[in-house]
Amino acid sequence: MKFLYHPDRAELNLSTVLYALSDPVRLLIVSKLSTGEERTCGDFGLPVVKSTVSHHVRTLRESGVVRVRVQGTQRFVSLRADDLNDRFPGLLAAILKAYNVSEEKQNLLSNGQQS
């Protein structure tokens, strides 16, 4: 089985986390994971192709924003909210609050429904 890199909490870097959260699709993934539930890569209902979802999940994983667990052929994704809050208190909550009230989220969701 292939080893998936996840940085330790102490290795989380603010600029890397902010870069990972700078993409609208990745923000949507994090927003959907913020409920605390683990999801498979196919459960996000994103307006992008499967390979693009894999790329975004990898970027989030390598930055330390999400954890990916492999079970058979499925990859389960969960938000590392505790690690992020311990390392950067209030950052995740502030970003998600701003994103959830923005037009950016609605625009991305409505574009996906038109495809």
Protein backbone atom coordinates (compact mmCIF):
# COMPACT_ATOMS: atom_id res chain seq x y z
CA MET A 1 0.00 0.00 0.00
CA LYS A 2 1.22 3.49 -0.85
CA PHE A 3 2.18 5.71 2.09
CA LEU A 4 0.24 8.99 2.22
CA TYR A 5 2.19 11.91 3.70
CA HIS A 6 0.48 13.91 6.43
CA PRO A 7 2.54 16.62 8.17
CA ASP A 8 2.65 16.52 11.97
CA ARG A 9 0.83 19.26 13.83
CA ALA A 10 4.12 21.03 14.61
CA GLU A 11 5.02 20.98 10.90
CA LEU A 12 1.90 22.87 9.79
CA ASN A 13 2.99 26.06 8.06
CA LEU A 14 0.67 29.07 7.84
CA SER A 15 1.59 29.99 4.27
CA THR A 16 1.07 26.39 3.10
CA VAL A 17 -2.31 26.16 4.81
CA LEU A 18 -3.41 29.52 3.38
CA TYR A 19 -2.28 28.45 -0.10
CA ALA A 20 -4.32 25.23 0.21
CA LEU A 21 -7.35 27.25 1.25
CA SER A 22 -6.92 29.82 -1.55
CA ASP A 23 -8.75 27.75 -4.18
CA PRO A 24 -12.59 27.87 -4.38
CA VAL A 25 -12.93 24.12 -4.94
CA ARG A 26 -10.67 23.32 -1.99
CA LEU A 27 -12.61 25.77 0.17
CA LEU A 28 -15.81 23.99 -0.81
CA ILE A 29 -14.27 20.63 0.19
CA VAL A 30 -13.21 22.05 3.57
CA SER A 31 -16.63 23.64 4.04
CA LYS A 32 -18.33 20.28 3.43
CA LEU A 33 -15.92 18.54 5.82
CA SER A 34 -16.47 21.14 8.55
CA THR A 35 -19.54 19.23 9.74
CA GLY A 36 -17.09 16.76 11.27
CA GLU A 37 -18.09 13.84 9.08
CA GLU A 38 -15.60 11.78 7.12
CA ARG A 39 -16.36 11.57 3.38
CA THR A 40 -15.05 9.66 0.41
CA CYS A 41 -13.58 11.64 -2.48
CA GLY A 42 -16.65 10.86 -4.60
CA ASP A 43 -19.10 12.19 -1.98
CA PHE A 44 -18.31 15.88 -2.41
CA GLY A 45 -20.46 16.53 -5.48
CA LEU A 46 -17.97 18.96 -6.97
CA PRO A 47 -18.28 20.61 -10.40
CA VAL A 48 -14.90 19.18 -11.51
CA VAL A 49 -13.64 15.86 -12.90
CA LYS A 50 -12.38 13.05 -10.66
CA SER A 51 -8.68 13.69 -11.36
CA THR A 52 -9.10 17.32 -10.33
CA VAL A 53 -10.77 16.27 -7.07
CA SER A 54 -7.78 13.98 -6.40
CA HIS A 55 -5.40 16.88 -7.01
CA HIS A 56 -7.28 19.17 -4.63
CA VAL A 57 -7.50 16.51 -1.90
CA ARG A 58 -3.76 15.87 -2.27
CA THR A 59 -3.00 19.59 -1.90
CA LEU A 60 -5.16 19.77 1.22
CA ARG A 61 -3.57 16.60 2.65
CA GLU A 62 0.02 17.67 2.02
CA SER A 63 -0.64 21.06 3.61
CA GLY A 64 -2.12 19.42 6.72
CA VAL A 65 -5.67 20.65 6.29
CA VAL A 66 -7.21 17.17 5.84
CA ARG A 67 -6.39 13.60 6.75
CA VAL A 68 -6.92 10.82 4.20
CA ARG A 69 -7.54 7.24 5.30
CA VAL A 70 -7.33 4.43 2.74
CA GLN A 71 -9.69 1.49 3.06
CA GLY A 72 -9.55 -0.88 0.10
CA THR A 73 -10.03 1.23 -3.02
CA GLN A 74 -11.76 4.07 -1.16
CA ARG A 75 -10.12 7.14 0.32
CA PHE A 76 -11.86 8.70 3.28
CA VAL A 77 -11.20 12.38 3.92
CA SER A 78 -11.62 14.23 7.22
CA LEU A 79 -10.82 17.76 8.34
CA ARG A 80 -7.92 18.20 10.76
CA ALA A 81 -9.79 20.93 12.62
CA ASP A 82 -8.21 20.20 16.02
CA ASP A 83 -4.68 20.34 14.62
CA LEU A 84 -5.40 23.55 12.71
CA ASN A 85 -7.06 25.20 15.72
CA ASP A 86 -4.21 24.25 18.03
CA ARG A 87 -1.60 25.58 15.60
CA PHE A 88 -3.51 28.63 14.30
CA PRO A 89 -6.33 29.48 16.77
CA GLY A 90 -9.46 30.86 15.09
CA LEU A 91 -8.06 30.74 11.55
CA LEU A 92 -10.25 27.93 10.21
CA ALA A 93 -13.42 29.30 11.83
CA ALA A 94 -12.80 32.79 10.40
CA ILE A 95 -12.11 31.51 6.89
CA LEU A 96 -15.14 29.19 6.88
CA LYS A 97 -17.42 31.91 8.26
CA ALA A 98 -16.36 34.32 5.52
CA TYR A 99 -16.60 31.65 2.83
CA ASN A 100 -20.03 30.40 3.88
CA VAL A 101 -21.57 33.87 3.54
CA SER A 102 -19.76 34.73 0.33
CA GLU A 103 -21.17 34.64 -3.16
CA GLU A 104 -18.18 32.54 -4.18
CA LYS A 105 -19.64 29.40 -2.62
CA GLN A 106 -23.05 29.92 -4.27
CA ASN A 107 -21.46 30.64 -7.64
CA LEU A 108 -19.39 27.46 -7.51
CA LEU A 109 -22.39 25.35 -6.47
CA SER A 110 -24.66 26.84 -9.14
CA ASN A 111 -22.01 26.33 -11.86
CA GLY A 112 -21.82 22.67 -10.92
CA GLN A 113 -25.56 22.22 -11.27
CA GLN A 114 -25.56 23.70 -14.78
CA SER A 115 -22.93 21.21 -16.05
